[in-house]
Amino acid sequence: MKKTFVLAATALLAVSLAGMAHATTTVRRNVQQQVVSYGDLNLENEVDAATLLSRIESAARKVCGLDRVSFLPFALQYELQVCANEATARAVNDVNARRQIVLSNVE
């Protein structure tokens, strides 16, 4: 079975548009996804676990928009970093939950 999972992160479009449109009445959320493969890794090995975390963090930065901008207002940069941190935490929890399921089925 190929080990992959989808990293889902909520990118807040409203945050990026807040400075341009003050009369916004609805918040629109776009969910970006990035597949992170880890079939080549042994998660019992610290180096491989760190490699997976690095892949997750990179994907989170990408789906939250931190990889394609060099200068942003501080407030927007903060929101994008929060997005990336939350996406990373969700992905790590997903991997841990799947590992627990696999381990419980082996026993």
PDB file of N, CA and C in Angstrom:
ATOM      1  N   MET A   1       0.851  -1.180   0.000  1.00  0.00           N
ATOM      2  CA  MET A   1       0.000   0.000   0.000  1.00  0.00           C
ATOM      3  C   MET A   1       0.893   1.239   0.000  1.00  0.00           C
ATOM      4  N   LYS A   2       0.636   2.105  -0.876  1.00  0.00           N
ATOM      5  CA  LYS A   2       1.417   3.332  -0.995  1.00  0.00           C
ATOM      6  C   LYS A   2       1.036   4.286   0.129  1.00  0.00           C
ATOM      7  N   LYS A   3       2.037   4.752   0.849  1.00  0.00           N
ATOM      8  CA  LYS A   3       1.777   5.655   1.962  1.00  0.00           C
ATOM      9  C   LYS A   3       1.734   7.092   1.461  1.00  0.00           C
ATOM     10  N   THR A   4       0.577   7.649   1.452  1.00  0.00           N
ATOM     11  CA  THR A   4       0.421   9.063   1.120  1.00  0.00           C
ATOM     12  C   THR A   4      -0.709   9.611   1.949  1.00  0.00           C
ATOM     13  N   PHE A   5      -0.718  10.898   2.101  1.00  0.00           N
ATOM     14  CA  PHE A   5      -1.864  11.541   2.721  1.00  0.00           C
ATOM     15  C   PHE A   5      -1.992  12.916   2.118  1.00  0.00           C
ATOM     16  N   VAL A   6      -3.143  13.458   2.252  1.00  0.00           N
ATOM     17  CA  VAL A   6      -3.405  14.779   1.693  1.00  0.00           C
ATOM     18  C   VAL A   6      -3.323  15.789   2.812  1.00  0.00           C
ATOM     19  N   LEU A   7      -2.486  16.769   2.599  1.00  0.00           N
ATOM     20  CA  LEU A   7      -2.358  17.860   3.546  1.00  0.00           C
ATOM     21  C   LEU A   7      -3.360  18.917   3.136  1.00  0.00           C
ATOM     22  N   ALA A   8      -4.333  19.139   3.971  1.00  0.00           N
ATOM     23  CA  ALA A   8      -5.357  20.137   3.667  1.00  0.00           C
ATOM     24  C   ALA A   8      -5.131  21.340   4.561  1.00  0.00           C
ATOM     25  N   ALA A   9      -5.093  22.478   3.967  1.00  0.00           N
ATOM     26  CA  ALA A   9      -4.883  23.711   4.732  1.00  0.00           C
ATOM     27  C   ALA A   9      -5.906  24.731   4.282  1.00  0.00           C
ATOM     28  N   THR A  10      -6.400  25.440   5.220  1.00  0.00           N
ATOM     29  CA  THR A  10      -7.356  26.487   4.901  1.00  0.00           C
ATOM     30  C   THR A  10      -6.594  27.765   4.632  1.00  0.00           C
ATOM     31  N   ALA A  11      -6.685  28.248   3.421  1.00  0.00           N
ATOM     32  CA  ALA A  11      -6.053  29.511   3.065  1.00  0.00           C
ATOM     33  C   ALA A  11      -7.137  30.579   3.102  1.00  0.00           C
ATOM     34  N   LEU A  12      -6.945  31.559   3.904  1.00  0.00           N
ATOM     35  CA  LEU A  12      -7.985  32.564   4.086  1.00  0.00           C
ATOM     36  C   LEU A  12      -7.863  33.659   3.033  1.00  0.00           C
ATOM     37  N   LEU A  13      -8.718  33.578   2.044  1.00  0.00           N
ATOM     38  CA  LEU A  13      -8.739  34.581   1.001  1.00  0.00           C
ATOM     39  C   LEU A  13      -9.161  35.929   1.565  1.00  0.00           C
ATOM     40  N   ALA A  14     -10.060  35.902   2.524  1.00  0.00           N
ATOM     41  CA  ALA A  14     -10.544  37.155   3.099  1.00  0.00           C
ATOM     42  C   ALA A  14      -9.426  37.955   3.741  1.00  0.00           C
ATOM     43  N   VAL A  15      -8.448  37.276   4.323  1.00  0.00           N
ATOM     44  CA  VAL A  15      -7.338  37.981   4.956  1.00  0.00           C
ATOM     45  C   VAL A  15      -6.529  38.732   3.912  1.00  0.00           C
ATOM     46  N   SER A  16      -6.267  38.082   2.784  1.00  0.00           N
ATOM     47  CA  SER A  16      -5.459  38.736   1.772  1.00  0.00           C
ATOM     48  C   SER A  16      -6.205  39.886   1.095  1.00  0.00           C
ATOM     49  N   LEU A  17      -7.515  39.837   1.119  1.00  0.00           N
ATOM     50  CA  LEU A  17      -8.298  40.889   0.489  1.00  0.00           C
ATOM     51  C   LEU A  17      -8.743  41.965   1.468  1.00  0.00           C
ATOM     52  N   ALA A  18      -8.506  41.762   2.752  1.00  0.00           N
ATOM     53  CA  ALA A  18      -9.011  42.688   3.769  1.00  0.00           C
ATOM     54  C   ALA A  18      -8.506  44.113   3.558  1.00  0.00           C
ATOM     55  N   GLY A  19      -7.264  44.255   3.163  1.00  0.00           N
ATOM     56  CA  GLY A  19      -6.725  45.594   2.953  1.00  0.00           C
ATOM     57  C   GLY A  19      -7.289  46.273   1.720  1.00  0.00           C
ATOM     58  N   MET A  20      -7.819  45.496   0.777  1.00  0.00           N
ATOM     59  CA  MET A  20      -8.332  46.062  -0.463  1.00  0.00           C
ATOM     60  C   MET A  20      -9.820  46.340  -0.424  1.00  0.00           C
ATOM     61  N   ALA A  21     -10.555  45.591   0.366  1.00  0.00           N
ATOM     62  CA  ALA A  21     -12.013  45.747   0.360  1.00  0.00           C
ATOM     63  C   ALA A  21     -12.523  45.831   1.794  1.00  0.00           C
ATOM     64  N   HIS A  22     -12.896  46.987   2.206  1.00  0.00           N
ATOM     65  CA  HIS A  22     -13.390  47.184   3.563  1.00  0.00           C
ATOM     66  C   HIS A  22     -14.851  46.815   3.706  1.00  0.00           C
ATOM     67  N   ALA A  23     -15.585  46.712   2.622  1.00  0.00           N
ATOM     68  CA  ALA A  23     -17.025  46.462   2.678  1.00  0.00           C
ATOM     69  C   ALA A  23     -17.364  44.986   2.514  1.00  0.00           C
ATOM     70  N   THR A  24     -16.417  44.116   2.763  1.00  0.00           N
ATOM     71  CA  THR A  24     -16.665  42.687   2.625  1.00  0.00           C
ATOM     72  C   THR A  24     -17.587  42.205   3.735  1.00  0.00           C
ATOM     73  N   THR A  25     -18.648  41.491   3.363  1.00  0.00           N
ATOM     74  CA  THR A  25     -19.597  41.008   4.368  1.00  0.00           C
ATOM     75  C   THR A  25     -19.512  39.504   4.563  1.00  0.00           C
ATOM     76  N   THR A  26     -18.918  38.781   3.633  1.00  0.00           N
ATOM     77  CA  THR A  26     -18.794  37.334   3.782  1.00  0.00           C
ATOM     78  C   THR A  26     -17.326  36.945   3.780  1.00  0.00           C
ATOM     79  N   VAL A  27     -17.034  35.861   4.460  1.00  0.00           N
ATOM     80  CA  VAL A  27     -15.677  35.328   4.487  1.00  0.00           C
ATOM     81  C   VAL A  27     -15.646  34.123   3.564  1.00  0.00           C
ATOM     82  N   ARG A  28     -14.735  34.160   2.622  1.00  0.00           N
ATOM     83  CA  ARG A  28     -14.612  33.054   1.679  1.00  0.00           C
ATOM     84  C   ARG A  28     -13.349  32.284   2.018  1.00  0.00           C
ATOM     85  N   ARG A  29     -13.469  30.984   2.083  1.00  0.00           N
ATOM     86  CA  ARG A  29     -12.324  30.143   2.401  1.00  0.00           C
ATOM     87  C   ARG A  29     -12.051  29.196   1.244  1.00  0.00           C
ATOM     88  N   ASN A  30     -10.822  29.158   0.815  1.00  0.00           N
ATOM     89  CA  ASN A  30     -10.379  28.214  -0.206  1.00  0.00           C
ATOM     90  C   ASN A  30      -9.522  27.168   0.490  1.00  0.00           C
ATOM     91  N   VAL A  31      -9.793  25.914   0.245  1.00  0.00           N
ATOM     92  CA  VAL A  31      -9.005  24.852   0.830  1.00  0.00           C
ATOM     93  C   VAL A  31      -8.065  24.326  -0.240  1.00  0.00           C
ATOM     94  N   GLN A  32      -6.793  24.489  -0.008  1.00  0.00           N
ATOM     95  CA  GLN A  32      -5.765  23.987  -0.904  1.00  0.00           C
ATOM     96  C   GLN A  32      -5.280  22.646  -0.367  1.00  0.00           C
ATOM     97  N   GLN A  33      -4.839  21.769  -1.249  1.00  0.00           N
ATOM     98  CA  GLN A  33      -4.346  20.458  -0.826  1.00  0.00           C
ATOM     99  C   GLN A  33      -3.021  20.162  -1.488  1.00  0.00           C
ATOM    100  N   GLN A  34      -2.201  19.418  -0.783  1.00  0.00           N
ATOM    101  CA  GLN A  34      -0.908  18.977  -1.297  1.00  0.00           C
ATOM    102  C   GLN A  34      -0.687  17.551  -0.814  1.00  0.00           C
ATOM    103  N   VAL A  35      -0.398  16.635  -1.712  1.00  0.00           N
ATOM    104  CA  VAL A  35      -0.114  15.255  -1.331  1.00  0.00           C
ATOM    105  C   VAL A  35       1.342  15.164  -0.905  1.00  0.00           C
ATOM    106  N   VAL A  36       1.558  14.540   0.254  1.00  0.00           N
ATOM    107  CA  VAL A  36       2.908  14.327   0.771  1.00  0.00           C
ATOM    108  C   VAL A  36       3.111  12.821   0.876  1.00  0.00           C
ATOM    109  N   SER A  37       4.046  12.297   0.104  1.00  0.00           N
ATOM    110  CA  SER A  37       4.335  10.862   0.112  1.00  0.00           C
ATOM    111  C   SER A  37       5.375  10.543   1.172  1.00  0.00           C
ATOM    112  N   TYR A  38       5.199   9.390   1.810  1.00  0.00           N
ATOM    113  CA  TYR A  38       6.214   8.966   2.774  1.00  0.00           C
ATOM    114  C   TYR A  38       6.420   7.460   2.755  1.00  0.00           C
ATOM    115  N   GLY A  39       6.075   6.837   1.648  1.00  0.00           N
ATOM    116  CA  GLY A  39       6.268   5.398   1.503  1.00  0.00           C
ATOM    117  C   GLY A  39       7.726   4.985   1.524  1.00  0.00           C
ATOM    118  N   ASP A  40       8.601   5.914   1.241  1.00  0.00           N
ATOM    119  CA  ASP A  40      10.029   5.617   1.233  1.00  0.00           C
ATOM    120  C   ASP A  40      10.670   5.803   2.608  1.00  0.00           C
ATOM    121  N   LEU A  41       9.867   6.167   3.607  1.00  0.00           N
ATOM    122  CA  LEU A  41      10.399   6.470   4.931  1.00  0.00           C
ATOM    123  C   LEU A  41       9.988   5.427   5.964  1.00  0.00           C
ATOM    124  N   ASN A  42      10.868   5.198   6.929  1.00  0.00           N
ATOM    125  CA  ASN A  42      10.574   4.364   8.090  1.00  0.00           C
ATOM    126  C   ASN A  42      10.353   5.324   9.251  1.00  0.00           C
ATOM    127  N   LEU A  43       9.125   5.528   9.652  1.00  0.00           N
ATOM    128  CA  LEU A  43       8.818   6.532  10.659  1.00  0.00           C
ATOM    129  C   LEU A  43       9.284   6.155  12.052  1.00  0.00           C
ATOM    130  N   GLU A  44       9.792   4.935  12.229  1.00  0.00           N
ATOM    131  CA  GLU A  44      10.400   4.549  13.504  1.00  0.00           C
ATOM    132  C   GLU A  44      11.818   5.120  13.613  1.00  0.00           C
ATOM    133  N   ASN A  45      12.376   5.537  12.478  1.00  0.00           N
ATOM    134  CA  ASN A  45      13.722   6.105  12.416  1.00  0.00           C
ATOM    135  C   ASN A  45      13.624   7.619  12.576  1.00  0.00           C
ATOM    136  N   GLU A  46      14.402   8.202  13.488  1.00  0.00           N
ATOM    137  CA  GLU A  46      14.333   9.645  13.758  1.00  0.00           C
ATOM    138  C   GLU A  46      14.646  10.495  12.532  1.00  0.00           C
ATOM    139  N   VAL A  47      15.624  10.077  11.748  1.00  0.00           N
ATOM    140  CA  VAL A  47      16.000  10.843  10.557  1.00  0.00           C
ATOM    141  C   VAL A  47      14.854  10.841   9.548  1.00  0.00           C
ATOM    142  N   ASP A  48      14.236   9.693   9.355  1.00  0.00           N
ATOM    143  CA  ASP A  48      13.115   9.612   8.422  1.00  0.00           C
ATOM    144  C   ASP A  48      11.906  10.394   8.941  1.00  0.00           C
ATOM    145  N   ALA A  49      11.657  10.329  10.247  1.00  0.00           N
ATOM    146  CA  ALA A  49      10.550  11.098  10.826  1.00  0.00           C
ATOM    147  C   ALA A  49      10.786  12.595  10.630  1.00  0.00           C
ATOM    148  N   ALA A  50      12.025  13.034  10.806  1.00  0.00           N
ATOM    149  CA  ALA A  50      12.367  14.445  10.590  1.00  0.00           C
ATOM    150  C   ALA A  50      12.214  14.815   9.115  1.00  0.00           C
ATOM    151  N   THR A  51      12.534  13.895   8.222  1.00  0.00           N
ATOM    152  CA  THR A  51      12.355  14.127   6.787  1.00  0.00           C
ATOM    153  C   THR A  51      10.880  14.319   6.463  1.00  0.00           C
ATOM    154  N   LEU A  52      10.027  13.480   7.051  1.00  0.00           N
ATOM    155  CA  LEU A  52       8.591  13.628   6.824  1.00  0.00           C
ATOM    156  C   LEU A  52       8.097  14.962   7.360  1.00  0.00           C
ATOM    157  N   LEU A  53       8.535  15.342   8.542  1.00  0.00           N
ATOM    158  CA  LEU A  53       8.117  16.629   9.098  1.00  0.00           C
ATOM    159  C   LEU A  53       8.540  17.774   8.184  1.00  0.00           C
ATOM    160  N   SER A  54       9.728  17.703   7.639  1.00  0.00           N
ATOM    161  CA  SER A  54      10.205  18.728   6.711  1.00  0.00           C
ATOM    162  C   SER A  54       9.336  18.782   5.450  1.00  0.00           C
ATOM    163  N   ARG A  55       8.956  17.616   4.937  1.00  0.00           N
ATOM    164  CA  ARG A  55       8.075  17.565   3.762  1.00  0.00           C
ATOM    165  C   ARG A  55       6.710  18.179   4.082  1.00  0.00           C
ATOM    166  N   ILE A  56       6.186  17.853   5.262  1.00  0.00           N
ATOM    167  CA  ILE A  56       4.894  18.390   5.683  1.00  0.00           C
ATOM    168  C   ILE A  56       4.958  19.902   5.808  1.00  0.00           C
ATOM    169  N   GLU A  57       6.001  20.405   6.472  1.00  0.00           N
ATOM    170  CA  GLU A  57       6.140  21.852   6.657  1.00  0.00           C
ATOM    171  C   GLU A  57       6.270  22.570   5.315  1.00  0.00           C
ATOM    172  N   SER A  58       7.007  21.985   4.390  1.00  0.00           N
ATOM    173  CA  SER A  58       7.164  22.576   3.065  1.00  0.00           C
ATOM    174  C   SER A  58       5.823  22.621   2.325  1.00  0.00           C
ATOM    175  N   ALA A  59       5.074  21.533   2.399  1.00  0.00           N
ATOM    176  CA  ALA A  59       3.759  21.496   1.752  1.00  0.00           C
ATOM    177  C   ALA A  59       2.808  22.497   2.396  1.00  0.00           C
ATOM    178  N   ALA A  60       2.876  22.634   3.706  1.00  0.00           N
ATOM    179  CA  ALA A  60       2.009  23.580   4.417  1.00  0.00           C
ATOM    180  C   ALA A  60       2.320  25.013   3.991  1.00  0.00           C
ATOM    181  N   ARG A  61       3.614  25.347   3.884  1.00  0.00           N
ATOM    182  CA  ARG A  61       3.991  26.684   3.415  1.00  0.00           C
ATOM    183  C   ARG A  61       3.471  26.925   1.998  1.00  0.00           C
ATOM    184  N   LYS A  62       3.533  25.880   1.175  1.00  0.00           N
ATOM    185  CA  LYS A  62       3.075  26.017  -0.209  1.00  0.00           C
ATOM    186  C   LYS A  62       1.571  26.251  -0.280  1.00  0.00           C
ATOM    187  N   VAL A  63       0.778  25.418   0.406  1.00  0.00           N
ATOM    188  CA  VAL A  63      -0.672  25.559   0.290  1.00  0.00           C
ATOM    189  C   VAL A  63      -1.186  26.812   0.982  1.00  0.00           C
ATOM    190  N   CYS A  64      -0.432  27.325   1.942  1.00  0.00           N
ATOM    191  CA  CYS A  64      -0.864  28.547   2.630  1.00  0.00           C
ATOM    192  C   CYS A  64      -0.340  29.810   1.957  1.00  0.00           C
ATOM    193  N   GLY A  65       0.501  29.661   0.958  1.00  0.00           N
ATOM    194  CA  GLY A  65       0.944  30.813   0.187  1.00  0.00           C
ATOM    195  C   GLY A  65       2.235  31.448   0.645  1.00  0.00           C
ATOM    196  N   LEU A  66       2.939  30.813   1.568  1.00  0.00           N
ATOM    197  CA  LEU A  66       4.189  31.401   2.059  1.00  0.00           C
ATOM    198  C   LEU A  66       5.364  31.171   1.123  1.00  0.00           C
ATOM    199  N   ASP A  67       5.213  30.291   0.152  1.00  0.00           N
ATOM    200  CA  ASP A  67       6.342  29.979  -0.724  1.00  0.00           C
ATOM    201  C   ASP A  67       6.467  30.911  -1.920  1.00  0.00           C
ATOM    202  N   ARG A  68       5.446  31.713  -2.205  1.00  0.00           N
ATOM    203  CA  ARG A  68       5.485  32.497  -3.443  1.00  0.00           C
ATOM    204  C   ARG A  68       5.516  34.002  -3.231  1.00  0.00           C
ATOM    205  N   VAL A  69       5.786  34.425  -2.029  1.00  0.00           N
ATOM    206  CA  VAL A  69       5.849  35.861  -1.764  1.00  0.00           C
ATOM    207  C   VAL A  69       7.136  36.181  -1.015  1.00  0.00           C
ATOM    208  N   SER A  70       7.672  37.346  -1.280  1.00  0.00           N
ATOM    209  CA  SER A  70       8.900  37.728  -0.590  1.00  0.00           C
ATOM    210  C   SER A  70       8.653  38.819   0.449  1.00  0.00           C
ATOM    211  N   PHE A  71       7.697  39.694   0.192  1.00  0.00           N
ATOM    212  CA  PHE A  71       7.392  40.741   1.158  1.00  0.00           C
ATOM    213  C   PHE A  71       5.887  40.862   1.306  1.00  0.00           C
ATOM    214  N   LEU A  72       5.454  40.792   2.530  1.00  0.00           N
ATOM    215  CA  LEU A  72       4.030  40.931   2.832  1.00  0.00           C
ATOM    216  C   LEU A  72       3.882  41.830   4.049  1.00  0.00           C
ATOM    217  N   PRO A  73       2.753  42.489   4.167  1.00  0.00           N
ATOM    218  CA  PRO A  73       2.483  43.204   5.417  1.00  0.00           C
ATOM    219  C   PRO A  73       2.530  42.211   6.576  1.00  0.00           C
ATOM    220  N   PHE A  74       2.968  42.681   7.725  1.00  0.00           N
ATOM    221  CA  PHE A  74       3.157  41.807   8.872  1.00  0.00           C
ATOM    222  C   PHE A  74       1.890  41.032   9.232  1.00  0.00           C
ATOM    223  N   ALA A  75       0.753  41.686   9.232  1.00  0.00           N
ATOM    224  CA  ALA A  75      -0.502  41.023   9.616  1.00  0.00           C
ATOM    225  C   ALA A  75      -0.829  39.863   8.683  1.00  0.00           C
ATOM    226  N   LEU A  76      -0.634  40.051   7.386  1.00  0.00           N
ATOM    227  CA  LEU A  76      -0.908  38.990   6.427  1.00  0.00           C
ATOM    228  C   LEU A  76       0.112  37.864   6.566  1.00  0.00           C
ATOM    229  N   GLN A  77       1.355  38.226   6.731  1.00  0.00           N
ATOM    230  CA  GLN A  77       2.404  37.219   6.925  1.00  0.00           C
ATOM    231  C   GLN A  77       2.105  36.374   8.168  1.00  0.00           C
ATOM    232  N   TYR A  78       1.640  37.022   9.225  1.00  0.00           N
ATOM    233  CA  TYR A  78       1.286  36.318  10.454  1.00  0.00           C
ATOM    234  C   TYR A  78       0.147  35.328  10.183  1.00  0.00           C
ATOM    235  N   GLU A  79      -0.887  35.759   9.487  1.00  0.00           N
ATOM    236  CA  GLU A  79      -2.027  34.881   9.194  1.00  0.00           C
ATOM    237  C   GLU A  79      -1.613  33.690   8.340  1.00  0.00           C
ATOM    238  N   LEU A  80      -0.746  33.916   7.370  1.00  0.00           N
ATOM    239  CA  LEU A  80      -0.281  32.816   6.529  1.00  0.00           C
ATOM    240  C   LEU A  80       0.565  31.839   7.341  1.00  0.00           C
ATOM    241  N   GLN A  81       1.354  32.358   8.279  1.00  0.00           N
ATOM    242  CA  GLN A  81       2.156  31.482   9.135  1.00  0.00           C
ATOM    243  C   GLN A  81       1.268  30.673  10.068  1.00  0.00           C
ATOM    244  N   VAL A  82       0.202  31.286  10.581  1.00  0.00           N
ATOM    245  CA  VAL A  82      -0.766  30.551  11.405  1.00  0.00           C
ATOM    246  C   VAL A  82      -1.384  29.425  10.582  1.00  0.00           C
ATOM    247  N   CYS A  83      -1.753  29.723   9.348  1.00  0.00           N
ATOM    248  CA  CYS A  83      -2.301  28.719   8.444  1.00  0.00           C
ATOM    249  C   CYS A  83      -1.325  27.554   8.291  1.00  0.00           C
ATOM    250  N   ALA A  84      -0.068  27.858   8.033  1.00  0.00           N
ATOM    251  CA  ALA A  84       0.946  26.815   7.839  1.00  0.00           C
ATOM    252  C   ALA A  84       1.153  26.001   9.112  1.00  0.00           C
ATOM    253  N   ASN A  85       1.182  26.660  10.258  1.00  0.00           N
ATOM    254  CA  ASN A  85       1.359  25.948  11.530  1.00  0.00           C
ATOM    255  C   ASN A  85       0.191  25.012  11.802  1.00  0.00           C
ATOM    256  N   GLU A  86      -1.030  25.492  11.552  1.00  0.00           N
ATOM    257  CA  GLU A  86      -2.213  24.661  11.778  1.00  0.00           C
ATOM    258  C   GLU A  86      -2.266  23.497  10.803  1.00  0.00           C
ATOM    259  N   ALA A  87      -1.904  23.738   9.550  1.00  0.00           N
ATOM    260  CA  ALA A  87      -1.888  22.669   8.546  1.00  0.00           C
ATOM    261  C   ALA A  87      -0.853  21.606   8.917  1.00  0.00           C
ATOM    262  N   THR A  88       0.304  22.042   9.394  1.00  0.00           N
ATOM    263  CA  THR A  88       1.343  21.104   9.818  1.00  0.00           C
ATOM    264  C   THR A  88       0.845  20.254  10.975  1.00  0.00           C
ATOM    265  N   ALA A  89       0.226  20.882  11.955  1.00  0.00           N
ATOM    266  CA  ALA A  89      -0.282  20.146  13.115  1.00  0.00           C
ATOM    267  C   ALA A  89      -1.338  19.125  12.700  1.00  0.00           C
ATOM    268  N   ARG A  90      -2.248  19.514  11.803  1.00  0.00           N
ATOM    269  CA  ARG A  90      -3.282  18.581  11.337  1.00  0.00           C
ATOM    270  C   ARG A  90      -2.660  17.402  10.594  1.00  0.00           C
ATOM    271  N   ALA A  91      -1.679  17.675   9.763  1.00  0.00           N
ATOM    272  CA  ALA A  91      -1.041  16.606   8.990  1.00  0.00           C
ATOM    273  C   ALA A  91      -0.297  15.636   9.902  1.00  0.00           C
ATOM    274  N   VAL A  92       0.408  16.150  10.881  1.00  0.00           N
ATOM    275  CA  VAL A  92       1.124  15.285  11.832  1.00  0.00           C
ATOM    276  C   VAL A  92       0.111  14.430  12.595  1.00  0.00           C
ATOM    277  N   ASN A  93      -0.990  15.018  13.018  1.00  0.00           N
ATOM    278  CA  ASN A  93      -2.035  14.247  13.703  1.00  0.00           C
ATOM    279  C   ASN A  93      -2.609  13.167  12.792  1.00  0.00           C
ATOM    280  N   ASP A  94      -2.808  13.491  11.518  1.00  0.00           N
ATOM    281  CA  ASP A  94      -3.317  12.502  10.558  1.00  0.00           C
ATOM    282  C   ASP A  94      -2.360  11.323  10.420  1.00  0.00           C
ATOM    283  N   VAL A  95      -1.076  11.616  10.296  1.00  0.00           N
ATOM    284  CA  VAL A  95      -0.080  10.551  10.171  1.00  0.00           C
ATOM    285  C   VAL A  95      -0.073   9.692  11.431  1.00  0.00           C
ATOM    286  N   ASN A  96      -0.083  10.325  12.598  1.00  0.00           N
ATOM    287  CA  ASN A  96      -0.080   9.577  13.861  1.00  0.00           C
ATOM    288  C   ASN A  96      -1.328   8.715  13.993  1.00  0.00           C
ATOM    289  N   ALA A  97      -2.482   9.243  13.611  1.00  0.00           N
ATOM    290  CA  ALA A  97      -3.723   8.477  13.696  1.00  0.00           C
ATOM    291  C   ALA A  97      -3.672   7.271  12.761  1.00  0.00           C
ATOM    292  N   ARG A  98      -3.157   7.460  11.574  1.00  0.00           N
ATOM    293  CA  ARG A  98      -3.072   6.335  10.621  1.00  0.00           C
ATOM    294  C   ARG A  98      -2.088   5.283  11.107  1.00  0.00           C
ATOM    295  N   ARG A  99      -1.004   5.715  11.713  1.00  0.00           N
ATOM    296  CA  ARG A  99      -0.031   4.766  12.262  1.00  0.00           C
ATOM    297  C   ARG A  99      -0.672   3.951  13.386  1.00  0.00           C
ATOM    298  N   GLN A 100      -1.465   4.598  14.226  1.00  0.00           N
ATOM    299  CA  GLN A 100      -2.144   3.903  15.323  1.00  0.00           C
ATOM    300  C   GLN A 100      -3.110   2.858  14.786  1.00  0.00           C
ATOM    301  N   ILE A 101      -3.832   3.200  13.733  1.00  0.00           N
ATOM    302  CA  ILE A 101      -4.772   2.249  13.128  1.00  0.00           C
ATOM    303  C   ILE A 101      -4.031   1.051  12.567  1.00  0.00           C
ATOM    304  N   VAL A 102      -2.943   1.307  11.860  1.00  0.00           N
ATOM    305  CA  VAL A 102      -2.149   0.225  11.280  1.00  0.00           C
ATOM    306  C   VAL A 102      -1.588  -0.664  12.398  1.00  0.00           C
ATOM    307  N   LEU A 103      -1.052  -0.032  13.442  1.00  0.00           N
ATOM    308  CA  LEU A 103      -0.466  -0.802  14.541  1.00  0.00           C
ATOM    309  C   LEU A 103      -1.529  -1.625  15.268  1.00  0.00           C
ATOM    310  N   SER A 104      -2.714  -1.083  15.440  1.00  0.00           N
ATOM    311  CA  SER A 104      -3.758  -1.826  16.129  1.00  0.00           C
ATOM    312  C   SER A 104      -4.264  -2.993  15.286  1.00  0.00           C
ATOM    313  N   ASN A 105      -4.204  -2.877  13.966  1.00  0.00           N
ATOM    314  CA  ASN A 105      -4.611  -3.971  13.092  1.00  0.00           C
ATOM    315  C   ASN A 105      -3.570  -5.082  13.024  1.00  0.00           C
ATOM    316  N   VAL A 106      -2.320  -4.742  13.317  1.00  0.00           N
ATOM    317  CA  VAL A 106      -1.232  -5.729  13.288  1.00  0.00           C
ATOM    318  C   VAL A 106      -1.296  -6.611  14.536  1.00  0.00           C
ATOM    319  N   GLU A 107      -1.685  -6.032  15.645  1.00  0.00           N
ATOM    320  CA  GLU A 107      -1.704  -6.777  16.925  1.00  0.00           C
ATOM    321  C   GLU A 107      -2.801  -7.777  17.000  1.00  0.00           C
TER     322      GLU A 107
END
